[in-house]
Amino acid sequence: MKILITNDDGVHAEGIRVLARVAREFGEVKIFAPDRERSACGHSMTMRDPLRVTEHEIDGIEAYAVNGVPVDCVNVGLTIGYPEDCDLVLSGINNGPNLGYDVTYSGTVAGAIEACINGIRGISFSMAYFADGAPYHFETGEQWIRENLQGLIEAPLAERTFLNVNIPAIAYPELQGHKVVGMGQRVYEDRVEARQDPWGRTYYWQGGVVVMRSDMPDTDVWACTNGFVSVTPVSIDWTAHEQKLAIEESLNRAAARR
């Protein structure tokens, strides 16, 4: 099995070392990751600047640092690392959760999305901690992935679907198991804060307070806050198919009134 690994925390992040260590037990591994942290870059890609690649070695694994975002890394990796074929793209392990709507912002998730677009199975992994300064517990992520990666690889998936996995950042014995669940709600309040620089000029800092709906069963937010690993199949077809007929009828009614 030919496995490409990426992330959005950078090629030297601890999480990618852990993921690569497990993945090489399942096949040939090559790492293509950003040369620095690229968190919250979403599914962006570099279009107007050259991409440069620097070769490294990480724990005996062939690795490349790319001066771009995770989408760039996947596409560069498929071009120069696995030009003939690639069986699996793994992204992570992210330093922090990618729950609910975070999937739209996450560069880690974008790596799995890009795999999906290229017709390759993609899986994103994140360590879900909920308090600043809390340990990531990558050892928990390593053990869970080692025990469950084969099942994730073999799981039947519809076309244009990838897997987003969040592992609670707790000691392994404290895990309650896993749940295959949908996306929950994890939103941000007071997102933009106005501040003053030393010269009295206003600037804006974006972030906000995270608000999670952990009271919604069968969601990734609920699962992780209750000690379960969440496994969420996500479709890249965002079409709200059930809305098409109603919109068509609304347009026809408006046209008839003209």
C-alpha atoms as a PDB file:
ATOM      1  CA  MET A   1       0.000   0.000   0.000  1.00  0.00           C
ATOM      2  CA  LYS A   2       1.316   3.438  -0.958  1.00  0.00           C
ATOM      3  CA  ILE A   3       0.506   6.055   1.667  1.00  0.00           C
ATOM      4  CA  LEU A   4       0.957   9.816   1.460  1.00  0.00           C
ATOM      5  CA  ILE A   5       0.892  11.782   4.720  1.00  0.00           C
ATOM      6  CA  THR A   6       0.321  15.504   5.183  1.00  0.00           C
ATOM      7  CA  ASN A   7      -0.883  17.944   7.858  1.00  0.00           C
ATOM      8  CA  ASP A   8      -1.328  21.655   8.520  1.00  0.00           C
ATOM      9  CA  ASP A   9       0.923  21.936  11.591  1.00  0.00           C
ATOM     10  CA  GLY A  10       4.142  21.637   9.610  1.00  0.00           C
ATOM     11  CA  VAL A  11       6.503  18.895   8.547  1.00  0.00           C
ATOM     12  CA  HIS A  12       8.258  18.786  11.941  1.00  0.00           C
ATOM     13  CA  ALA A  13       5.101  18.628  14.087  1.00  0.00           C
ATOM     14  CA  GLU A  14       4.872  15.798  16.594  1.00  0.00           C
ATOM     15  CA  GLY A  15       1.508  14.618  15.285  1.00  0.00           C
ATOM     16  CA  ILE A  16       2.794  13.843  11.800  1.00  0.00           C
ATOM     17  CA  ARG A  17       5.668  11.797  13.252  1.00  0.00           C
ATOM     18  CA  VAL A  18       3.201   9.749  15.270  1.00  0.00           C
ATOM     19  CA  LEU A  19       0.931   9.191  12.266  1.00  0.00           C
ATOM     20  CA  ALA A  20       3.835   8.207  10.020  1.00  0.00           C
ATOM     21  CA  ARG A  21       5.126   5.783  12.641  1.00  0.00           C
ATOM     22  CA  VAL A  22       1.820   3.937  12.587  1.00  0.00           C
ATOM     23  CA  ALA A  23       1.252   4.193   8.830  1.00  0.00           C
ATOM     24  CA  ARG A  24       4.539   2.555   7.904  1.00  0.00           C
ATOM     25  CA  GLU A  25       3.268  -0.613   9.565  1.00  0.00           C
ATOM     26  CA  PHE A  26       0.633  -0.715   6.805  1.00  0.00           C
ATOM     27  CA  GLY A  27       2.688   0.145   3.733  1.00  0.00           C
ATOM     28  CA  GLU A  28       5.161   2.464   2.044  1.00  0.00           C
ATOM     29  CA  VAL A  29       5.010   5.995   3.471  1.00  0.00           C
ATOM     30  CA  LYS A  30       6.055   9.367   2.097  1.00  0.00           C
ATOM     31  CA  ILE A  31       5.492  12.656   3.897  1.00  0.00           C
ATOM     32  CA  PHE A  32       4.618  15.879   2.076  1.00  0.00           C
ATOM     33  CA  ALA A  33       3.777  18.626   4.535  1.00  0.00           C
ATOM     34  CA  PRO A  34       3.990  22.413   4.854  1.00  0.00           C
ATOM     35  CA  ASP A  35       7.350  23.890   5.821  1.00  0.00           C
ATOM     36  CA  ARG A  36       5.599  25.784   8.651  1.00  0.00           C
ATOM     37  CA  GLU A  37       2.283  25.861  10.442  1.00  0.00           C
ATOM     38  CA  ARG A  38      -0.677  26.509   8.132  1.00  0.00           C
ATOM     39  CA  SER A  39      -3.608  26.063  10.517  1.00  0.00           C
ATOM     40  CA  ALA A  40      -7.053  27.311   9.442  1.00  0.00           C
ATOM     41  CA  CYS A  41      -6.041  27.654   5.790  1.00  0.00           C
ATOM     42  CA  GLY A  42      -9.037  25.547   4.753  1.00  0.00           C
ATOM     43  CA  HIS A  43      -9.155  24.080   1.264  1.00  0.00           C
ATOM     44  CA  SER A  44      -7.041  26.836  -0.239  1.00  0.00           C
ATOM     45  CA  MET A  45      -4.265  26.315  -2.752  1.00  0.00           C
ATOM     46  CA  THR A  46      -1.312  28.296  -4.064  1.00  0.00           C
ATOM     47  CA  MET A  47      -1.913  29.712  -7.525  1.00  0.00           C
ATOM     48  CA  ARG A  48       0.340  32.750  -8.041  1.00  0.00           C
ATOM     49  CA  ASP A  49       3.573  31.794  -6.306  1.00  0.00           C
ATOM     50  CA  PRO A  50       6.055  29.015  -7.073  1.00  0.00           C
ATOM     51  CA  LEU A  51       6.018  25.922  -4.906  1.00  0.00           C
ATOM     52  CA  ARG A  52       9.427  24.879  -3.622  1.00  0.00           C
ATOM     53  CA  VAL A  53      10.185  21.503  -2.094  1.00  0.00           C
ATOM     54  CA  THR A  54      12.950  20.638   0.370  1.00  0.00           C
ATOM     55  CA  GLU A  55      13.846  17.012   1.062  1.00  0.00           C
ATOM     56  CA  HIS A  56      14.114  15.772   4.648  1.00  0.00           C
ATOM     57  CA  GLU A  57      14.132  12.506   6.553  1.00  0.00           C
ATOM     58  CA  ILE A  58      11.852  11.960   9.527  1.00  0.00           C
ATOM     59  CA  ASP A  59      12.528   8.873  11.623  1.00  0.00           C
ATOM     60  CA  GLY A  60      13.885   7.119   8.550  1.00  0.00           C
ATOM     61  CA  ILE A  61      10.885   8.098   6.403  1.00  0.00           C
ATOM     62  CA  GLU A  62      11.195  10.034   3.151  1.00  0.00           C
ATOM     63  CA  ALA A  63       9.789  13.494   3.807  1.00  0.00           C
ATOM     64  CA  TYR A  64       9.386  16.739   1.886  1.00  0.00           C
ATOM     65  CA  ALA A  65       8.684  20.248   3.157  1.00  0.00           C
ATOM     66  CA  VAL A  66       6.569  22.324   0.776  1.00  0.00           C
ATOM     67  CA  ASN A  67       6.260  26.112   1.039  1.00  0.00           C
ATOM     68  CA  GLY A  68       2.518  25.857   0.556  1.00  0.00           C
ATOM     69  CA  VAL A  69      -0.688  24.663   2.171  1.00  0.00           C
ATOM     70  CA  PRO A  70      -1.912  21.061   2.642  1.00  0.00           C
ATOM     71  CA  VAL A  71      -3.753  20.987  -0.697  1.00  0.00           C
ATOM     72  CA  ASP A  72      -0.480  21.940  -2.394  1.00  0.00           C
ATOM     73  CA  CYS A  73       1.328  19.247  -0.439  1.00  0.00           C
ATOM     74  CA  VAL A  74      -1.080  16.518  -1.552  1.00  0.00           C
ATOM     75  CA  ASN A  75      -0.873  17.547  -5.206  1.00  0.00           C
ATOM     76  CA  VAL A  76       2.917  17.910  -5.138  1.00  0.00           C
ATOM     77  CA  GLY A  77       3.149  14.561  -3.389  1.00  0.00           C
ATOM     78  CA  LEU A  78       1.007  12.863  -6.013  1.00  0.00           C
ATOM     79  CA  THR A  79       3.151  14.442  -8.738  1.00  0.00           C
ATOM     80  CA  ILE A  80       6.659  13.683  -7.518  1.00  0.00           C
ATOM     81  CA  GLY A  81       6.171  11.141  -4.729  1.00  0.00           C
ATOM     82  CA  TYR A  82       3.580   8.812  -6.236  1.00  0.00           C
ATOM     83  CA  PRO A  83       3.306   9.734  -9.928  1.00  0.00           C
ATOM     84  CA  GLU A  84       1.865   6.354 -10.877  1.00  0.00           C
ATOM     85  CA  ASP A  85      -0.656   5.704  -8.107  1.00  0.00           C
ATOM     86  CA  CYS A  86      -1.378   6.282  -4.438  1.00  0.00           C
ATOM     87  CA  ASP A  87      -3.690   4.168  -2.309  1.00  0.00           C
ATOM     88  CA  LEU A  88      -4.266   6.319   0.762  1.00  0.00           C
ATOM     89  CA  VAL A  89      -3.811   9.876   2.027  1.00  0.00           C
ATOM     90  CA  LEU A  90      -3.647  10.423   5.793  1.00  0.00           C
ATOM     91  CA  SER A  91      -3.710  13.937   7.229  1.00  0.00           C
ATOM     92  CA  GLY A  92      -2.712  14.865  10.781  1.00  0.00           C
ATOM     93  CA  ILE A  93      -2.532  14.164  13.591  1.00  0.00           C
ATOM     94  CA  ASN A  94      -3.753  17.719  14.195  1.00  0.00           C
ATOM     95  CA  ASN A  95      -2.899  19.664  17.353  1.00  0.00           C
ATOM     96  CA  GLY A  96      -6.487  20.210  18.431  1.00  0.00           C
ATOM     97  CA  PRO A  97     -10.021  19.255  17.379  1.00  0.00           C
ATOM     98  CA  ASN A  98     -11.625  19.516  13.965  1.00  0.00           C
ATOM     99  CA  LEU A  99     -15.250  19.112  14.977  1.00  0.00           C
ATOM    100  CA  GLY A 100     -18.465  20.330  13.393  1.00  0.00           C
ATOM    101  CA  TYR A 101     -18.058  23.389  11.188  1.00  0.00           C
ATOM    102  CA  ASP A 102     -14.299  23.392  11.811  1.00  0.00           C
ATOM    103  CA  VAL A 103     -13.979  21.074   8.829  1.00  0.00           C
ATOM    104  CA  THR A 104     -14.541  24.085   6.570  1.00  0.00           C
ATOM    105  CA  TYR A 105     -11.556  25.941   8.070  1.00  0.00           C
ATOM    106  CA  SER A 106      -9.157  23.105   8.715  1.00  0.00           C
ATOM    107  CA  GLY A 107      -6.088  22.574   6.580  1.00  0.00           C
ATOM    108  CA  THR A 108      -5.786  19.089   8.060  1.00  0.00           C
ATOM    109  CA  VAL A 109      -9.259  18.174   6.811  1.00  0.00           C
ATOM    110  CA  ALA A 110      -8.435  19.826   3.476  1.00  0.00           C
ATOM    111  CA  GLY A 111      -5.701  17.243   2.952  1.00  0.00           C
ATOM    112  CA  ALA A 112      -8.312  14.476   3.107  1.00  0.00           C
ATOM    113  CA  ILE A 113     -10.674  16.475   0.884  1.00  0.00           C
ATOM    114  CA  GLU A 114      -7.981  16.846  -1.778  1.00  0.00           C
ATOM    115  CA  ALA A 115      -7.353  13.109  -1.670  1.00  0.00           C
ATOM    116  CA  CYS A 116     -11.069  12.547  -2.186  1.00  0.00           C
ATOM    117  CA  ILE A 117     -11.119  14.914  -5.162  1.00  0.00           C
ATOM    118  CA  ASN A 118      -8.264  12.907  -6.681  1.00  0.00           C
ATOM    119  CA  GLY A 119     -10.188   9.661  -6.239  1.00  0.00           C
ATOM    120  CA  ILE A 120      -8.038   8.450  -3.328  1.00  0.00           C
ATOM    121  CA  ARG A 121      -9.250   7.430   0.117  1.00  0.00           C
ATOM    122  CA  GLY A 122      -8.560  10.252   2.537  1.00  0.00           C
ATOM    123  CA  ILE A 123      -8.664  10.221   6.340  1.00  0.00           C
ATOM    124  CA  SER A 124      -8.005  13.194   8.618  1.00  0.00           C
ATOM    125  CA  PHE A 125      -7.032  12.732  12.272  1.00  0.00           C
ATOM    126  CA  SER A 126      -7.141  15.257  15.116  1.00  0.00           C
ATOM    127  CA  MET A 127      -6.515  15.204  18.852  1.00  0.00           C
ATOM    128  CA  ALA A 128      -9.547  16.836  20.473  1.00  0.00           C
ATOM    129  CA  TYR A 129      -8.573  18.778  23.571  1.00  0.00           C
ATOM    130  CA  PHE A 130     -10.848  21.405  25.073  1.00  0.00           C
ATOM    131  CA  ALA A 131      -8.664  23.366  27.511  1.00  0.00           C
ATOM    132  CA  ASP A 132      -5.695  25.578  26.659  1.00  0.00           C
ATOM    133  CA  GLY A 133      -2.491  24.023  27.884  1.00  0.00           C
ATOM    134  CA  ALA A 134      -3.953  20.535  28.168  1.00  0.00           C
ATOM    135  CA  PRO A 135      -1.709  17.697  26.941  1.00  0.00           C
ATOM    136  CA  TYR A 136      -2.340  16.420  23.423  1.00  0.00           C
ATOM    137  CA  HIS A 137      -1.999  12.750  24.430  1.00  0.00           C
ATOM    138  CA  PHE A 138      -0.582  11.736  21.062  1.00  0.00           C
ATOM    139  CA  GLU A 139       0.179   8.346  22.597  1.00  0.00           C
ATOM    140  CA  THR A 140      -3.585   7.772  22.803  1.00  0.00           C
ATOM    141  CA  GLY A 141      -3.979   8.749  19.171  1.00  0.00           C
ATOM    142  CA  GLU A 142      -1.130   6.464  18.158  1.00  0.00           C
ATOM    143  CA  GLN A 143      -2.581   3.436  19.917  1.00  0.00           C
ATOM    144  CA  TRP A 144      -6.129   3.998  18.668  1.00  0.00           C
ATOM    145  CA  ILE A 145      -5.024   4.519  15.060  1.00  0.00           C
ATOM    146  CA  ARG A 146      -2.773   1.459  15.158  1.00  0.00           C
ATOM    147  CA  GLU A 147      -5.690  -0.675  16.342  1.00  0.00           C
ATOM    148  CA  ASN A 148      -8.290   0.787  13.972  1.00  0.00           C
ATOM    149  CA  LEU A 149      -6.586   2.007  10.792  1.00  0.00           C
ATOM    150  CA  GLN A 150      -7.223  -1.243   8.926  1.00  0.00           C
ATOM    151  CA  GLY A 151     -10.936  -0.940   9.636  1.00  0.00           C
ATOM    152  CA  LEU A 152     -10.945   2.646   8.381  1.00  0.00           C
ATOM    153  CA  ILE A 153      -9.110   1.571   5.224  1.00  0.00           C
ATOM    154  CA  GLU A 154     -11.558  -1.247   4.517  1.00  0.00           C
ATOM    155  CA  ALA A 155     -14.753   0.615   5.455  1.00  0.00           C
ATOM    156  CA  PRO A 156     -17.131   1.009   2.488  1.00  0.00           C
ATOM    157  CA  LEU A 157     -17.385   4.637   1.441  1.00  0.00           C
ATOM    158  CA  ALA A 158     -19.616   6.290  -1.116  1.00  0.00           C
ATOM    159  CA  GLU A 159     -17.986   8.185  -3.955  1.00  0.00           C
ATOM    160  CA  ARG A 160     -16.750  11.673  -2.991  1.00  0.00           C
ATOM    161  CA  THR A 161     -16.641  10.806   0.724  1.00  0.00           C
ATOM    162  CA  PHE A 162     -13.755  10.962   3.195  1.00  0.00           C
ATOM    163  CA  LEU A 163     -13.404  10.216   6.914  1.00  0.00           C
ATOM    164  CA  ASN A 164     -12.804  12.795   9.631  1.00  0.00           C
ATOM    165  CA  VAL A 165     -11.597  11.287  12.917  1.00  0.00           C
ATOM    166  CA  ASN A 166     -11.332  13.131  16.245  1.00  0.00           C
ATOM    167  CA  ILE A 167      -9.656  11.393  19.178  1.00  0.00           C
ATOM    168  CA  PRO A 168     -10.252  12.796  22.668  1.00  0.00           C
ATOM    169  CA  ALA A 169      -7.010  14.043  24.219  1.00  0.00           C
ATOM    170  CA  ILE A 170      -7.231  11.789  27.254  1.00  0.00           C
ATOM    171  CA  ALA A 171      -5.295   8.785  28.513  1.00  0.00           C
ATOM    172  CA  TYR A 172      -6.007   5.673  26.452  1.00  0.00           C
ATOM    173  CA  PRO A 173      -7.694   3.700  29.292  1.00  0.00           C
ATOM    174  CA  GLU A 174     -10.185   6.550  29.640  1.00  0.00           C
ATOM    175  CA  LEU A 175     -11.484   6.178  26.074  1.00  0.00           C
ATOM    176  CA  GLN A 176     -15.074   4.929  25.963  1.00  0.00           C
ATOM    177  CA  GLY A 177     -14.738   3.425  22.491  1.00  0.00           C
ATOM    178  CA  HIS A 178     -15.697   4.993  19.178  1.00  0.00           C
ATOM    179  CA  LYS A 179     -18.854   6.316  17.555  1.00  0.00           C
ATOM    180  CA  VAL A 180     -19.614   6.774  13.866  1.00  0.00           C
ATOM    181  CA  VAL A 181     -21.485  10.053  13.974  1.00  0.00           C
ATOM    182  CA  GLY A 182     -22.484  13.162  12.040  1.00  0.00           C
ATOM    183  CA  MET A 183     -21.100  16.674  12.259  1.00  0.00           C
ATOM    184  CA  GLY A 184     -22.108  18.700  15.274  1.00  0.00           C
ATOM    185  CA  GLN A 185     -22.121  22.417  15.976  1.00  0.00           C
ATOM    186  CA  ARG A 186     -18.916  24.110  17.055  1.00  0.00           C
ATOM    187  CA  VAL A 187     -19.145  27.832  16.414  1.00  0.00           C
ATOM    188  CA  TYR A 188     -17.383  30.975  17.598  1.00  0.00           C
ATOM    189  CA  GLU A 189     -18.855  33.978  19.403  1.00  0.00           C
ATOM    190  CA  ASP A 190     -17.359  37.487  19.378  1.00  0.00           C
ATOM    191  CA  ARG A 191     -15.190  36.393  16.503  1.00  0.00           C
ATOM    192  CA  VAL A 192     -13.488  39.713  15.704  1.00  0.00           C
ATOM    193  CA  GLU A 193     -12.000  41.863  18.458  1.00  0.00           C
ATOM    194  CA  ALA A 194     -10.854  45.446  17.879  1.00  0.00           C
ATOM    195  CA  ARG A 195      -7.526  46.336  19.506  1.00  0.00           C
ATOM    196  CA  GLN A 196      -5.079  49.235  19.551  1.00  0.00           C
ATOM    197  CA  ASP A 197      -1.433  49.041  18.549  1.00  0.00           C
ATOM    198  CA  PRO A 198       1.219  51.071  20.474  1.00  0.00           C
ATOM    199  CA  TRP A 199       0.612  54.032  18.149  1.00  0.00           C
ATOM    200  CA  GLY A 200      -3.122  54.106  18.817  1.00  0.00           C
ATOM    201  CA  ARG A 201      -4.110  52.624  15.477  1.00  0.00           C
ATOM    202  CA  THR A 202      -6.981  50.146  15.433  1.00  0.00           C
ATOM    203  CA  TYR A 203      -6.415  46.621  14.242  1.00  0.00           C
ATOM    204  CA  TYR A 204      -8.554  43.494  14.457  1.00  0.00           C
ATOM    205  CA  TRP A 205      -7.785  40.083  15.939  1.00  0.00           C
ATOM    206  CA  GLN A 206      -9.885  37.177  14.752  1.00  0.00           C
ATOM    207  CA  GLY A 207     -10.581  34.181  16.963  1.00  0.00           C
ATOM    208  CA  GLY A 208     -13.474  34.263  19.377  1.00  0.00           C
ATOM    209  CA  VAL A 209     -14.867  32.042  22.086  1.00  0.00           C
ATOM    210  CA  VAL A 210     -15.721  28.478  21.074  1.00  0.00           C
ATOM    211  CA  VAL A 211     -19.301  27.433  21.717  1.00  0.00           C
ATOM    212  CA  MET A 212     -19.997  23.705  21.381  1.00  0.00           C
ATOM    213  CA  ARG A 213     -23.404  22.028  21.338  1.00  0.00           C
ATOM    214  CA  SER A 214     -22.437  18.916  23.280  1.00  0.00           C
ATOM    215  CA  ASP A 215     -26.089  18.152  24.008  1.00  0.00           C
ATOM    216  CA  MET A 216     -26.731  16.903  20.462  1.00  0.00           C
ATOM    217  CA  PRO A 217     -26.393  13.078  20.390  1.00  0.00           C
ATOM    218  CA  ASP A 218     -25.022  11.317  17.330  1.00  0.00           C
ATOM    219  CA  THR A 219     -22.582  14.145  16.585  1.00  0.00           C
ATOM    220  CA  ASP A 220     -18.808  14.411  16.699  1.00  0.00           C
ATOM    221  CA  VAL A 221     -18.967  17.120  19.367  1.00  0.00           C
ATOM    222  CA  TRP A 222     -21.129  14.953  21.622  1.00  0.00           C
ATOM    223  CA  ALA A 223     -18.955  11.873  21.074  1.00  0.00           C
ATOM    224  CA  CYS A 224     -15.648  13.542  21.899  1.00  0.00           C
ATOM    225  CA  THR A 225     -16.944  15.408  24.940  1.00  0.00           C
ATOM    226  CA  ASN A 226     -18.168  12.057  26.271  1.00  0.00           C
ATOM    227  CA  GLY A 227     -14.861  10.267  25.764  1.00  0.00           C
ATOM    228  CA  PHE A 228     -15.547   8.545  22.436  1.00  0.00           C
ATOM    229  CA  VAL A 229     -13.447   8.716  19.282  1.00  0.00           C
ATOM    230  CA  SER A 230     -15.663  10.266  16.614  1.00  0.00           C
ATOM    231  CA  VAL A 231     -15.552   8.921  13.064  1.00  0.00           C
ATOM    232  CA  THR A 232     -17.516  11.049  10.607  1.00  0.00           C
ATOM    233  CA  PRO A 233     -18.018  10.232   6.923  1.00  0.00           C
ATOM    234  CA  VAL A 234     -18.099  13.574   5.100  1.00  0.00           C
ATOM    235  CA  SER A 235     -19.286  14.071   1.527  1.00  0.00           C
ATOM    236  CA  ILE A 236     -17.695  16.743  -0.635  1.00  0.00           C
ATOM    237  CA  ASP A 237     -20.986  17.034  -2.533  1.00  0.00           C
ATOM    238  CA  TRP A 238     -22.447  19.978  -0.625  1.00  0.00           C
ATOM    239  CA  THR A 239     -25.580  20.102  -2.739  1.00  0.00           C
ATOM    240  CA  ALA A 240     -28.774  20.330  -0.688  1.00  0.00           C
ATOM    241  CA  HIS A 241     -30.597  17.985  -3.049  1.00  0.00           C
ATOM    242  CA  GLU A 242     -33.821  18.040  -1.034  1.00  0.00           C
ATOM    243  CA  GLN A 243     -34.085  21.797  -1.640  1.00  0.00           C
ATOM    244  CA  LYS A 244     -33.839  21.754  -5.431  1.00  0.00           C
ATOM    245  CA  LEU A 245     -37.521  21.174  -6.192  1.00  0.00           C
ATOM    246  CA  ALA A 246     -38.742  23.866  -3.769  1.00  0.00           C
ATOM    247  CA  ILE A 247     -36.323  26.427  -5.240  1.00  0.00           C
ATOM    248  CA  GLU A 248     -37.396  25.545  -8.777  1.00  0.00           C
ATOM    249  CA  GLU A 249     -41.059  25.990  -7.815  1.00  0.00           C
ATOM    250  CA  SER A 250     -40.326  29.346  -6.160  1.00  0.00           C
ATOM    251  CA  LEU A 251     -38.567  30.602  -9.285  1.00  0.00           C
ATOM    252  CA  ASN A 252     -41.466  29.458 -11.482  1.00  0.00           C
ATOM    253  CA  ARG A 253     -44.054  31.163  -9.260  1.00  0.00           C
ATOM    254  CA  ALA A 254     -42.113  34.428  -9.298  1.00  0.00           C
ATOM    255  CA  ALA A 255     -41.744  34.232 -13.083  1.00  0.00           C
ATOM    256  CA  ALA A 256     -45.486  33.633 -13.497  1.00  0.00           C
ATOM    257  CA  ARG A 257     -46.264  36.849 -11.597  1.00  0.00           C
ATOM    258  CA  ARG A 258     -44.243  39.022 -13.935  1.00  0.00           C
END
